[in-house]
C-alpha cells in the first residue's frame, strides 16, 4: 500500500449529497462549515474562491484556533460520488505517453511535444462504481492509473511561474481504455476518441486533496487488480511536469474552473476481465476502486 498521510485534508462527496472532510483520522461536516462561514456550498465554488487552498485553509482546519467544525461518525461507505462531475466539469484533457516506460511498453518514443487527448465529462464515475462494458465495444479494455488535477482559476497562455496558481486540487483517476478498438482505429489512421469514451470510463476520486498540501512530483502511483500489483511508479518520472503541461494546454485552450487534467499513466497497463475489481491509488490522496462487468450477451 502507498504511504498514509493522516494530516492532509481530504474532501469527499457523500453519496446522499453534501461534502465531508477527513483530517487527522476524524471526519467533519464540510458543508456545515462552509455554510457557517458564508462560503459556497459546492466543491467547485469553494476551490474557485480559494477557500480550500492551503494558504487560507490551514488556518481554518479542525484544531486551529477559533475553528468551528461539526464532527461526524466515520462513514461506512463503499461508494463515493466523484468529487466533480458534469455539469461542473467543462472538459477533461489527458496527457499521453507522459511516462517514458509507458511509451516504451508500446514500442513508441516519448513525444517531442506534450501529447494530449480528450475524454468527455459524461464518462466520470465515483469510487465503488460498477462499469459495464457492452460486448460489441471491445475485446480488451485496460486500466490506466493516473494523478488528476482540477483547475480553479481561468487562464490562457499560462507561464511556468504562475501555472500552479490555477490548480485547485488533486485526485486519483483511472483512464479506462478500449484497447482493441484503439489499436484498430490507429491502424486505419482514424481518431481513437471512441476508445477513451464510454459511460463509466473515467473513475475519479475517491476524494480531493486541496492545492498546496502536497508535492505532485513526489507521489507513488499504483494499480492493483484484485491482489495483483500491475502498475507502480512515481510522479518523479513524469516526462512533462505539471507546470509545463498547463503551459502547453493553455496555449490551445482557455482553462476554466472545473476543467480536469490527467497527468498520464505509468507502465504496466493491462486487461480487465468480467468481475475484476481494479484499484488505482496515489500517495496522500487515496485508493479508487471500480468493479468491471463484461457481459457476453
Protein backbone atom coordinates (compact mmCIF):
# COMPACT_ATOMS: atom_id res chain seq x y z
CA UNK A 1 0.00 0.00 0.00
CA UNK A 2 1.01 3.60 -0.50
CA UNK A 3 2.24 5.74 2.38
CA UNK A 4 -0.65 7.09 4.51
CA UNK A 5 -0.57 10.80 5.37
CA UNK A 6 -3.27 11.37 8.01
CA UNK A 7 -2.67 15.09 8.45
CA UNK A 8 -3.69 16.04 4.94
CA UNK A 9 -7.24 17.33 4.41
CA UNK A 10 -9.31 15.16 2.08
CA UNK A 11 -12.69 16.28 0.77
CA UNK A 12 -15.31 13.63 -0.07
CA UNK A 13 -18.61 13.98 -1.91
CA UNK A 14 -21.08 11.99 0.17
CA UNK A 15 -23.43 9.60 -1.66
CA UNK A 16 -26.53 11.36 -0.30
CA UNK A 17 -25.18 14.82 -1.05
CA UNK A 18 -23.03 17.30 0.81
CA UNK A 19 -19.30 17.38 1.48
CA UNK A 20 -17.28 15.71 4.23
CA UNK A 21 -13.75 16.44 5.41
CA UNK A 22 -11.35 13.76 6.61
CA UNK A 23 -8.49 15.21 8.64
CA UNK A 24 -6.26 13.73 11.32
CA UNK A 25 -8.22 10.49 11.39
CA UNK A 26 -11.52 12.26 12.14
CA UNK A 27 -14.48 13.16 9.94
CA UNK A 28 -16.23 16.53 9.78
CA UNK A 29 -19.18 18.18 8.05
CA UNK A 30 -17.54 20.42 5.46
CA UNK A 31 -20.88 21.62 4.12
CA UNK A 32 -21.88 22.90 7.57
CA UNK A 33 -18.52 24.65 7.98
CA UNK A 34 -18.90 26.34 4.59
CA UNK A 35 -22.44 27.48 5.36
CA UNK A 36 -21.43 28.91 8.75
CA UNK A 37 -18.57 30.81 7.12
CA UNK A 38 -20.76 32.15 4.32
CA UNK A 39 -18.83 30.21 1.69
CA UNK A 40 -20.24 28.46 -1.40
CA UNK A 41 -21.88 25.12 -0.70
CA UNK A 42 -20.40 23.27 -3.67
CA UNK A 43 -16.85 21.98 -4.07
CA UNK A 44 -16.13 23.87 -7.29
CA UNK A 45 -17.31 27.11 -5.68
CA UNK A 46 -15.06 26.51 -2.67
CA UNK A 47 -11.93 25.82 -4.68
CA UNK A 48 -12.62 28.58 -7.22
CA UNK A 49 -12.85 31.11 -4.39
CA UNK A 50 -9.64 29.79 -2.84
CA UNK A 51 -11.29 28.78 0.43
CA UNK A 52 -9.69 25.31 0.40
CA UNK A 53 -6.22 26.30 -0.80
CA UNK A 54 -3.55 25.75 1.83
CA UNK A 55 -2.88 29.50 2.08
CA UNK A 56 -6.35 30.01 3.59
CA UNK A 57 -7.47 26.58 4.70
CA UNK A 58 -4.56 25.74 7.01
CA UNK A 59 -5.71 28.40 9.45
CA UNK A 60 -9.26 27.01 9.44
CA UNK A 61 -8.65 23.28 9.79
CA UNK A 62 -10.02 21.38 12.79
CA UNK A 63 -7.88 22.07 15.84
CA UNK A 64 -6.92 25.54 14.68
CA UNK A 65 -7.59 28.47 16.98
CA UNK A 66 -11.14 29.68 16.52
CA UNK A 67 -12.12 26.89 14.15
CA UNK A 68 -15.69 25.65 14.36
CA UNK A 69 -16.28 22.17 12.99
CA UNK A 70 -19.03 19.60 13.49
CA UNK A 71 -17.57 16.12 13.92
CA UNK A 72 -19.48 13.26 12.30
CA UNK A 73 -19.28 9.50 12.60
CA UNK A 74 -16.78 7.72 10.41
CA UNK A 75 -18.71 6.91 7.23
CA UNK A 76 -19.21 3.27 6.39
CA UNK A 77 -19.34 3.86 2.66
CA UNK A 78 -18.13 1.61 -0.09
CA UNK A 79 -19.14 4.23 -2.65
CA UNK A 80 -18.39 7.94 -3.02
CA UNK A 81 -19.61 10.34 -5.63
CA UNK A 82 -16.88 11.71 -7.86
CA UNK A 83 -15.64 14.97 -6.29
CA UNK A 84 -16.55 16.77 -9.53
CA UNK A 85 -18.67 15.69 -12.47
CA UNK A 86 -20.85 17.19 -15.15
CA UNK A 87 -22.06 19.95 -15.35
CA UNK A 88 -19.26 21.38 -13.15
CA UNK A 89 -16.60 19.77 -15.34
CA UNK A 90 -16.25 21.58 -18.65
CA UNK A 91 -13.56 19.44 -20.26
CA UNK A 92 -11.15 16.64 -19.43
CA UNK A 93 -7.69 16.80 -21.02
CA UNK A 94 -5.32 13.84 -20.75
CA UNK A 95 -1.57 13.67 -21.30
CA UNK A 96 -0.42 10.67 -23.32
CA UNK A 97 2.92 8.87 -23.10
CA UNK A 98 3.96 11.05 -20.17
CA UNK A 99 5.99 8.24 -18.59
CA UNK A 100 8.86 7.06 -20.80
CA UNK A 101 8.45 3.44 -19.70
CA UNK A 102 4.77 3.50 -20.68
CA UNK A 103 5.65 4.73 -24.17
CA UNK A 104 8.32 2.02 -24.38
CA UNK A 105 5.89 -0.79 -23.49
CA UNK A 106 4.01 0.09 -26.69
CA UNK A 107 7.25 0.31 -28.67
CA UNK A 108 6.99 4.08 -29.02
CA UNK A 109 9.13 7.10 -28.25
CA UNK A 110 8.28 9.94 -25.90
CA UNK A 111 6.67 12.74 -27.96
CA UNK A 112 8.79 15.81 -28.62
CA UNK A 113 5.85 18.00 -27.59
CA UNK A 114 3.22 17.19 -24.94
CA UNK A 115 0.68 14.77 -26.43
CA UNK A 116 -2.89 15.18 -25.23
CA UNK A 117 -6.40 13.98 -25.99
CA UNK A 118 -9.86 14.46 -24.52
CA UNK A 119 -12.37 12.48 -22.51
CA UNK A 120 -15.95 13.64 -22.10
CA UNK A 121 -17.27 14.64 -18.66
CA UNK A 122 -20.09 12.12 -19.22
CA UNK A 123 -17.57 9.30 -18.60
CA UNK A 124 -16.92 10.31 -14.96
CA UNK A 125 -17.99 8.00 -12.15
CA UNK A 126 -17.08 7.75 -8.48
CA UNK A 127 -15.31 5.34 -6.13
CA UNK A 128 -17.04 1.98 -5.83
CA UNK A 129 -18.85 2.29 -9.15
CA UNK A 130 -19.57 -0.62 -11.45
CA UNK A 131 -18.60 -0.14 -15.08
CA UNK A 132 -20.43 -2.37 -17.54
CA UNK A 133 -18.74 -2.78 -20.92
CA UNK A 134 -21.01 -3.88 -23.73
CA UNK A 135 -19.82 -6.99 -25.57
CA UNK A 136 -19.65 -5.33 -29.01
CA UNK A 137 -17.46 -2.49 -27.73
CA UNK A 138 -14.00 -4.03 -27.38
CA UNK A 139 -12.27 -7.36 -26.87
CA UNK A 140 -9.73 -5.86 -24.47
CA UNK A 141 -10.13 -2.99 -22.05
CA UNK A 142 -7.22 -1.72 -19.96
CA UNK A 143 -6.70 0.16 -16.72
CA UNK A 144 -4.54 3.30 -16.59
CA UNK A 145 -3.86 4.74 -13.11
CA UNK A 146 -3.17 8.47 -13.08
CA UNK A 147 -2.80 11.60 -10.98
CA UNK A 148 -5.51 14.14 -11.85
CA UNK A 149 -5.86 17.83 -11.07
CA UNK A 150 -8.73 20.29 -11.25
CA UNK A 151 -8.43 23.85 -12.48
CA UNK A 152 -9.65 26.52 -10.05
CA UNK A 153 -8.87 29.74 -11.91
CA UNK A 154 -9.45 30.75 -15.53
CA UNK A 155 -6.29 31.16 -17.58
CA UNK A 156 -4.86 31.28 -21.08
CA UNK A 157 -1.18 31.25 -22.11
CA UNK A 158 -0.01 30.37 -18.61
CA UNK A 159 3.65 30.53 -17.59
CA UNK A 160 5.64 28.02 -15.57
CA UNK A 161 5.80 30.67 -12.84
CA UNK A 162 2.03 31.09 -12.44
CA UNK A 163 0.66 27.72 -13.60
CA UNK A 164 0.27 26.25 -10.10
CA UNK A 165 -1.89 29.23 -9.11
CA UNK A 166 -4.57 27.73 -11.37
CA UNK A 167 -4.66 24.30 -9.67
CA UNK A 168 -7.45 23.73 -7.17
CA UNK A 169 -6.72 20.20 -6.00
CA UNK A 170 -5.63 16.64 -6.72
CA UNK A 171 -7.48 13.37 -7.30
CA UNK A 172 -6.91 9.80 -8.49
CA UNK A 173 -8.15 8.82 -11.95
CA UNK A 174 -8.43 5.62 -13.97
CA UNK A 175 -8.33 6.31 -17.70
CA UNK A 176 -10.16 3.17 -18.79
CA UNK A 177 -9.37 2.38 -22.41
CA UNK A 178 -10.89 0.10 -25.05
CA UNK A 179 -7.50 -1.15 -26.19
CA UNK A 180 -8.70 -3.36 -29.05
CA UNK A 181 -10.77 -0.54 -30.51
CA UNK A 182 -7.90 1.92 -30.06
CA UNK A 183 -5.49 -0.39 -31.88
CA UNK A 184 -7.89 -0.95 -34.77
CA UNK A 185 -8.54 2.78 -35.15
CA UNK A 186 -4.82 3.54 -35.13
CA UNK A 187 -4.16 1.04 -37.91
CA UNK A 188 -6.85 2.71 -40.03
CA UNK A 189 -5.48 6.17 -39.27
CA UNK A 190 -8.71 7.08 -37.51
CA UNK A 191 -9.02 9.19 -34.35
CA UNK A 192 -9.29 6.95 -31.30
CA UNK A 193 -11.54 9.13 -29.18
CA UNK A 194 -14.26 6.40 -29.12
CA UNK A 195 -11.79 4.06 -27.38
CA UNK A 196 -11.49 6.52 -24.50
CA UNK A 197 -15.14 7.43 -24.11
CA UNK A 198 -17.94 5.27 -22.80
CA UNK A 199 -20.17 5.60 -19.76
CA UNK A 200 -18.04 4.99 -16.67
CA UNK A 201 -14.68 5.18 -18.46
CA UNK A 202 -13.31 7.81 -16.05
CA UNK A 203 -13.47 6.72 -12.41
CA UNK A 204 -12.41 9.77 -10.39
CA UNK A 205 -11.82 10.30 -6.67
CA UNK A 206 -12.09 8.90 -4.11
CA UNK A 207 -11.65 12.42 -2.74
CA UNK A 208 -9.93 15.71 -3.47
CA UNK A 209 -6.81 16.95 -1.67
CA UNK A 210 -6.83 20.76 -1.94
CA UNK A 211 -3.97 22.55 -3.67
CA UNK A 212 -0.90 23.48 -1.68
CA UNK A 213 -0.93 20.48 0.65
CA UNK A 214 1.22 18.05 -1.38
CA UNK A 215 4.03 17.91 -3.91
CA UNK A 216 2.58 16.47 -7.13
CA UNK A 217 6.02 15.45 -8.33
CA UNK A 218 6.79 13.08 -5.45
CA UNK A 219 3.85 10.69 -5.35
CA UNK A 220 3.65 6.94 -5.79
CA UNK A 221 1.06 5.78 -8.35
CA UNK A 222 -0.11 2.16 -8.22
CA UNK A 223 -2.77 -0.05 -9.74
CA UNK A 224 -3.92 -3.42 -8.43
CA UNK A 225 -6.32 -5.88 -9.97
CA UNK A 226 -7.60 -7.97 -7.09
CA UNK A 227 -4.36 -8.55 -5.15
CA UNK A 228 -2.02 -8.35 -8.13
CA UNK A 229 0.13 -5.23 -8.46
CA UNK A 230 0.04 -4.11 -12.11
CA UNK A 231 1.41 -0.56 -12.05
CA UNK A 232 3.90 1.02 -9.64
CA UNK A 233 5.78 4.23 -10.39
CA UNK A 234 6.48 7.72 -9.08
CA UNK A 235 5.41 11.08 -10.45
CA UNK A 236 9.09 11.99 -10.15
CA UNK A 237 9.31 10.27 -13.53
CA UNK A 238 6.75 12.40 -15.35
CA UNK A 239 8.18 13.44 -18.71
CA UNK A 240 6.20 16.69 -18.67
CA UNK A 241 5.67 18.08 -15.18
CA UNK A 242 2.51 19.86 -14.11
CA UNK A 243 3.64 23.43 -14.83
CA UNK A 244 4.83 22.91 -18.43
CA UNK A 245 1.81 20.69 -19.09
CA UNK A 246 -0.54 23.52 -18.12
CA UNK A 247 1.52 25.96 -20.16
CA UNK A 248 1.19 23.74 -23.25
CA UNK A 249 -2.53 23.06 -22.82
CA UNK A 250 -3.36 26.71 -22.18
CA UNK A 251 -1.76 27.69 -25.48
CA UNK A 252 -4.50 25.72 -27.23
CA UNK A 253 -7.46 26.26 -24.93
CA UNK A 254 -8.53 28.61 -22.17
CA UNK A 255 -8.58 26.63 -18.93
CA UNK A 256 -11.68 27.17 -16.80
CA UNK A 257 -12.57 26.28 -13.21
CA UNK A 258 -13.76 22.69 -13.18
CA UNK A 259 -11.59 21.53 -16.06
CA UNK A 260 -9.74 18.32 -15.19
CA UNK A 261 -6.26 17.35 -16.35
CA UNK A 262 -4.91 13.76 -16.22
CA UNK A 263 -1.13 13.65 -15.97
CA UNK A 264 -0.53 10.33 -17.74
CA UNK A 265 -0.18 6.70 -16.73
CA UNK A 266 2.99 4.71 -15.95
CA UNK A 267 3.99 1.37 -17.41
CA UNK A 268 2.09 -1.80 -16.57
CA UNK A 269 -1.28 -1.15 -18.17
CA UNK A 270 -3.18 -4.35 -18.75
CA UNK A 271 -6.52 -6.02 -19.46
CA UNK A 272 -9.56 -6.20 -17.20
CA UNK A 273 -11.97 -9.13 -17.16
CA UNK A 274 -15.54 -9.63 -16.02
CA UNK A 275 -15.80 -9.38 -12.24
CA UNK A 276 -12.40 -7.73 -11.73
CA UNK A 277 -12.00 -5.06 -9.09
CA UNK A 278 -9.36 -2.56 -10.14
CA UNK A 279 -7.89 -0.20 -7.53
CA UNK A 280 -5.82 2.82 -8.51
CA UNK A 281 -4.00 4.63 -5.72
CA UNK A 282 -1.93 7.77 -5.42
CA UNK A 283 0.13 8.63 -2.34
CA UNK A 284 -1.55 11.03 0.05
CA UNK A 285 -4.83 11.06 -1.87
CA UNK A 286 -6.33 7.59 -1.57
CA UNK A 287 -7.47 4.43 -3.33
CA UNK A 288 -10.06 4.48 -6.11
CA UNK A 289 -11.81 1.15 -6.75
CA UNK A 290 -14.01 0.12 -9.66
CA UNK A 291 -15.75 -3.17 -10.41
CA UNK A 292 -15.72 -4.26 -14.05
CA UNK A 293 -18.67 -6.07 -15.62
CA UNK A 294 -18.25 -7.58 -19.08
CA UNK A 295 -21.48 -9.32 -20.07
CA UNK A 296 -21.03 -11.53 -23.13
CA UNK A 297 -24.58 -11.29 -24.38
